[in-house]
Amino acid sequence: MAKGYWVSVYRAISDPERLTAYDKLAGPAVQAGGGRVLSSGGRVVAHEAGNTHRVVLIEFDSFEQAVAAYESEAYQKALVVLSDCVERDFRIVEGID
């Protein structure tokens, strides 16, 4: 079964305190959904377009598990805190077996 991944690229953060509050809610929600954080805003070497925005990568045992975690009540509560304080590109992608 192919793994599932959340990939988030934060283009702009207008309220770092709200992002911290989101992280406190999202972390447990992700963990409860079976997610494992592989990268969370660490060092970046940018090529091509040269963007060094914050990147978060989270792995799940399956694509379906990744979608279910996003749709969970706990994660949806975290998203309410995040709204309007960041501009991000968020994707759920399926890995290769």
N, C-alpha and C. Protein backbone atom coordinates (compact mmCIF):
# COMPACT_ATOMS: atom_id res chain seq x y z
N MET A 1 0.84 -1.17 0.00
CA MET A 1 0.00 0.00 0.00
C MET A 1 0.89 1.24 0.00
N ALA A 2 0.55 2.19 -0.85
CA ALA A 2 1.33 3.43 -0.96
C ALA A 2 1.09 4.32 0.25
N LYS A 3 2.13 4.96 0.71
CA LYS A 3 2.02 5.90 1.82
C LYS A 3 1.37 7.18 1.35
N GLY A 4 0.90 7.96 2.30
CA GLY A 4 0.35 9.28 2.01
C GLY A 4 1.19 10.34 2.70
N TYR A 5 1.23 11.51 2.10
CA TYR A 5 2.06 12.60 2.63
C TYR A 5 1.29 13.90 2.61
N TRP A 6 1.47 14.68 3.67
CA TRP A 6 1.03 16.06 3.68
C TRP A 6 2.26 16.88 3.35
N VAL A 7 2.14 17.78 2.40
CA VAL A 7 3.23 18.68 2.04
C VAL A 7 2.69 20.11 2.15
N SER A 8 3.28 20.89 3.03
CA SER A 8 2.86 22.27 3.24
C SER A 8 4.04 23.20 3.00
N VAL A 9 3.82 24.22 2.19
CA VAL A 9 4.82 25.25 1.97
C VAL A 9 4.20 26.57 2.42
N TYR A 10 4.81 27.19 3.39
CA TYR A 10 4.30 28.44 3.97
C TYR A 10 4.94 29.61 3.23
N ARG A 11 4.15 30.27 2.39
CA ARG A 11 4.66 31.40 1.61
C ARG A 11 4.78 32.67 2.45
N ALA A 12 3.84 32.83 3.39
CA ALA A 12 3.84 34.02 4.24
C ALA A 12 3.20 33.66 5.58
N ILE A 13 3.77 34.23 6.65
CA ILE A 13 3.24 34.04 8.00
C ILE A 13 3.03 35.43 8.58
N SER A 14 1.76 35.82 8.77
CA SER A 14 1.46 37.16 9.26
C SER A 14 1.30 37.23 10.77
N ASP A 15 1.06 36.07 11.40
CA ASP A 15 0.86 36.05 12.86
C ASP A 15 1.53 34.81 13.44
N PRO A 16 2.82 34.91 13.78
CA PRO A 16 3.55 33.76 14.30
C PRO A 16 2.95 33.16 15.58
N GLU A 17 2.31 33.99 16.41
CA GLU A 17 1.71 33.47 17.64
C GLU A 17 0.54 32.54 17.33
N ARG A 18 -0.26 32.90 16.34
CA ARG A 18 -1.37 32.02 15.95
C ARG A 18 -0.85 30.75 15.29
N LEU A 19 0.24 30.85 14.57
CA LEU A 19 0.85 29.66 13.99
C LEU A 19 1.31 28.72 15.10
N THR A 20 1.87 29.26 16.16
CA THR A 20 2.28 28.45 17.31
C THR A 20 1.07 27.79 17.96
N ALA A 21 -0.02 28.52 18.09
CA ALA A 21 -1.25 27.95 18.65
C ALA A 21 -1.78 26.84 17.75
N TYR A 22 -1.72 27.03 16.44
CA TYR A 22 -2.11 25.99 15.49
C TYR A 22 -1.25 24.75 15.67
N ASP A 23 0.07 24.95 15.76
CA ASP A 23 0.99 23.82 15.93
C ASP A 23 0.65 22.98 17.17
N LYS A 24 0.25 23.65 18.25
CA LYS A 24 -0.09 22.95 19.49
C LYS A 24 -1.34 22.07 19.33
N LEU A 25 -2.25 22.49 18.47
CA LEU A 25 -3.45 21.69 18.20
C LEU A 25 -3.21 20.67 17.09
N ALA A 26 -2.50 21.08 16.06
CA ALA A 26 -2.29 20.22 14.90
C ALA A 26 -1.39 19.04 15.22
N GLY A 27 -0.37 19.24 16.04
CA GLY A 27 0.55 18.15 16.37
C GLY A 27 -0.16 16.92 16.93
N PRO A 28 -0.93 17.08 17.99
CA PRO A 28 -1.66 15.92 18.52
C PRO A 28 -2.67 15.35 17.53
N ALA A 29 -3.31 16.21 16.72
CA ALA A 29 -4.28 15.72 15.72
C ALA A 29 -3.59 14.87 14.67
N VAL A 30 -2.42 15.30 14.24
CA VAL A 30 -1.65 14.54 13.25
C VAL A 30 -1.20 13.21 13.86
N GLN A 31 -0.69 13.26 15.05
CA GLN A 31 -0.23 12.04 15.72
C GLN A 31 -1.38 11.06 15.93
N ALA A 32 -2.54 11.55 16.34
CA ALA A 32 -3.71 10.69 16.54
C ALA A 32 -4.16 10.06 15.23
N GLY A 33 -3.91 10.77 14.12
CA GLY A 33 -4.27 10.25 12.81
C GLY A 33 -3.22 9.34 12.20
N GLY A 34 -2.16 9.08 12.95
CA GLY A 34 -1.11 8.18 12.47
C GLY A 34 0.02 8.85 11.71
N GLY A 35 0.06 10.18 11.74
CA GLY A 35 1.10 10.91 11.00
C GLY A 35 2.41 11.00 11.74
N ARG A 36 3.48 11.04 10.96
CA ARG A 36 4.84 11.21 11.48
C ARG A 36 5.48 12.41 10.78
N VAL A 37 5.90 13.40 11.56
CA VAL A 37 6.51 14.59 11.00
C VAL A 37 7.93 14.24 10.55
N LEU A 38 8.19 14.43 9.26
CA LEU A 38 9.52 14.16 8.71
C LEU A 38 10.36 15.42 8.60
N SER A 39 9.70 16.55 8.40
CA SER A 39 10.39 17.83 8.29
C SER A 39 9.44 18.92 8.74
N SER A 40 9.97 19.88 9.49
CA SER A 40 9.11 20.96 9.98
C SER A 40 9.87 22.27 10.07
N GLY A 41 10.11 22.85 8.93
CA GLY A 41 10.72 24.18 8.92
C GLY A 41 12.20 24.20 9.15
N GLY A 42 12.90 23.10 8.88
CA GLY A 42 14.35 23.06 9.04
C GLY A 42 15.06 23.79 7.91
N ARG A 43 16.33 23.51 7.80
CA ARG A 43 17.16 24.17 6.79
C ARG A 43 16.69 23.81 5.38
N VAL A 44 16.83 24.77 4.48
CA VAL A 44 16.44 24.59 3.08
C VAL A 44 17.55 25.11 2.19
N VAL A 45 17.88 24.37 1.17
CA VAL A 45 18.74 24.84 0.10
C VAL A 45 17.83 24.97 -1.12
N ALA A 46 17.65 26.17 -1.60
CA ALA A 46 16.70 26.41 -2.69
C ALA A 46 17.41 26.41 -4.04
N HIS A 47 16.77 25.76 -4.99
CA HIS A 47 17.22 25.75 -6.38
C HIS A 47 16.05 26.18 -7.25
N GLU A 48 16.28 26.31 -8.51
CA GLU A 48 15.25 26.66 -9.48
C GLU A 48 14.63 28.01 -9.13
N ALA A 49 13.43 28.04 -8.58
CA ALA A 49 12.75 29.32 -8.29
C ALA A 49 13.36 30.05 -7.10
N GLY A 50 14.17 29.36 -6.30
CA GLY A 50 14.89 30.02 -5.22
C GLY A 50 14.10 30.31 -3.97
N ASN A 51 12.96 29.67 -3.78
CA ASN A 51 12.13 29.92 -2.60
C ASN A 51 12.63 29.11 -1.40
N THR A 52 12.80 29.78 -0.28
CA THR A 52 13.25 29.11 0.94
C THR A 52 12.18 29.15 2.03
N HIS A 53 10.94 29.10 1.63
CA HIS A 53 9.84 29.14 2.57
C HIS A 53 9.87 27.92 3.50
N ARG A 54 9.18 28.05 4.62
CA ARG A 54 9.02 26.94 5.57
C ARG A 54 8.30 25.79 4.87
N VAL A 55 8.86 24.59 4.98
CA VAL A 55 8.25 23.39 4.40
C VAL A 55 8.01 22.38 5.51
N VAL A 56 6.80 21.80 5.53
CA VAL A 56 6.46 20.76 6.49
C VAL A 56 6.07 19.52 5.70
N LEU A 57 6.67 18.38 6.07
CA LEU A 57 6.40 17.11 5.40
C LEU A 57 5.98 16.10 6.46
N ILE A 58 4.80 15.51 6.27
CA ILE A 58 4.26 14.54 7.23
C ILE A 58 3.90 13.26 6.48
N GLU A 59 4.30 12.12 7.03
CA GLU A 59 4.08 10.82 6.40
C GLU A 59 2.99 10.05 7.13
N PHE A 60 2.14 9.38 6.36
CA PHE A 60 1.10 8.49 6.89
C PHE A 60 1.27 7.12 6.23
N ASP A 61 0.75 6.09 6.86
CA ASP A 61 0.89 4.73 6.33
C ASP A 61 0.15 4.53 5.01
N SER A 62 -0.86 5.37 4.74
CA SER A 62 -1.60 5.27 3.48
C SER A 62 -2.14 6.64 3.09
N PHE A 63 -2.46 6.78 1.82
CA PHE A 63 -3.08 8.00 1.31
C PHE A 63 -4.42 8.24 2.01
N GLU A 64 -5.19 7.17 2.16
CA GLU A 64 -6.50 7.28 2.81
C GLU A 64 -6.37 7.77 4.25
N GLN A 65 -5.35 7.30 4.95
CA GLN A 65 -5.12 7.73 6.32
C GLN A 65 -4.77 9.22 6.36
N ALA A 66 -4.00 9.68 5.38
CA ALA A 66 -3.63 11.10 5.30
C ALA A 66 -4.87 11.96 5.08
N VAL A 67 -5.76 11.53 4.20
CA VAL A 67 -6.99 12.28 3.94
C VAL A 67 -7.88 12.28 5.19
N ALA A 68 -8.02 11.13 5.82
CA ALA A 68 -8.85 11.03 7.02
C ALA A 68 -8.32 11.92 8.14
N ALA A 69 -7.02 12.00 8.31
CA ALA A 69 -6.45 12.84 9.35
C ALA A 69 -6.75 14.32 9.08
N TYR A 70 -6.68 14.71 7.82
CA TYR A 70 -7.00 16.10 7.46
C TYR A 70 -8.46 16.40 7.76
N GLU A 71 -9.32 15.45 7.47
CA GLU A 71 -10.76 15.64 7.65
C GLU A 71 -11.24 15.44 9.09
N SER A 72 -10.34 15.01 9.98
CA SER A 72 -10.72 14.74 11.36
C SER A 72 -11.18 16.00 12.07
N GLU A 73 -12.02 15.81 13.05
CA GLU A 73 -12.54 16.93 13.84
C GLU A 73 -11.40 17.69 14.53
N ALA A 74 -10.44 16.95 15.07
CA ALA A 74 -9.32 17.59 15.78
C ALA A 74 -8.50 18.47 14.85
N TYR A 75 -8.22 18.01 13.64
CA TYR A 75 -7.42 18.83 12.72
C TYR A 75 -8.23 20.01 12.20
N GLN A 76 -9.51 19.81 11.99
CA GLN A 76 -10.35 20.92 11.53
C GLN A 76 -10.39 22.04 12.57
N LYS A 77 -10.35 21.70 13.85
CA LYS A 77 -10.28 22.72 14.90
C LYS A 77 -8.96 23.49 14.82
N ALA A 78 -7.88 22.78 14.51
CA ALA A 78 -6.59 23.45 14.36
C ALA A 78 -6.62 24.41 13.19
N LEU A 79 -7.28 24.03 12.10
CA LEU A 79 -7.35 24.90 10.92
C LEU A 79 -8.07 26.21 11.21
N VAL A 80 -9.04 26.18 12.11
CA VAL A 80 -9.74 27.41 12.47
C VAL A 80 -8.76 28.42 13.05
N VAL A 81 -7.84 27.96 13.87
CA VAL A 81 -6.83 28.84 14.47
C VAL A 81 -5.88 29.36 13.40
N LEU A 82 -5.58 28.55 12.41
CA LEU A 82 -4.62 28.91 11.36
C LEU A 82 -5.19 29.90 10.36
N SER A 83 -6.50 29.93 10.18
CA SER A 83 -7.10 30.72 9.11
C SER A 83 -6.68 32.18 9.18
N ASP A 84 -6.36 32.72 8.04
CA ASP A 84 -6.00 34.13 7.85
C ASP A 84 -4.68 34.56 8.50
N CYS A 85 -3.90 33.63 9.03
CA CYS A 85 -2.61 34.06 9.60
C CYS A 85 -1.42 33.55 8.78
N VAL A 86 -1.70 32.70 7.80
CA VAL A 86 -0.64 32.23 6.91
C VAL A 86 -1.17 32.13 5.49
N GLU A 87 -0.25 32.17 4.56
CA GLU A 87 -0.55 31.80 3.18
C GLU A 87 0.29 30.56 2.92
N ARG A 88 -0.38 29.45 2.63
CA ARG A 88 0.38 28.23 2.42
C ARG A 88 -0.21 27.42 1.26
N ASP A 89 0.65 26.61 0.71
CA ASP A 89 0.26 25.65 -0.32
C ASP A 89 0.26 24.31 0.38
N PHE A 90 -0.92 23.69 0.51
CA PHE A 90 -1.05 22.43 1.23
C PHE A 90 -1.53 21.37 0.26
N ARG A 91 -0.84 20.22 0.25
CA ARG A 91 -1.21 19.11 -0.63
C ARG A 91 -1.20 17.81 0.15
N ILE A 92 -2.09 16.90 -0.22
CA ILE A 92 -2.01 15.52 0.23
C ILE A 92 -1.65 14.71 -1.01
N VAL A 93 -0.53 14.01 -0.95
CA VAL A 93 -0.05 13.29 -2.12
C VAL A 93 0.15 11.82 -1.78
N GLU A 94 -0.01 10.98 -2.78
CA GLU A 94 0.19 9.55 -2.64
C GLU A 94 1.62 9.20 -3.02
N GLY A 95 2.26 8.40 -2.18
CA GLY A 95 3.61 7.95 -2.45
C GLY A 95 3.62 6.80 -3.44
N ILE A 96 4.79 6.32 -3.71
CA ILE A 96 4.98 5.19 -4.61
C ILE A 96 5.23 3.96 -3.76
N ASP A 97 4.54 2.86 -4.09
CA ASP A 97 4.74 1.61 -3.35
C ASP A 97 6.19 1.23 -3.28
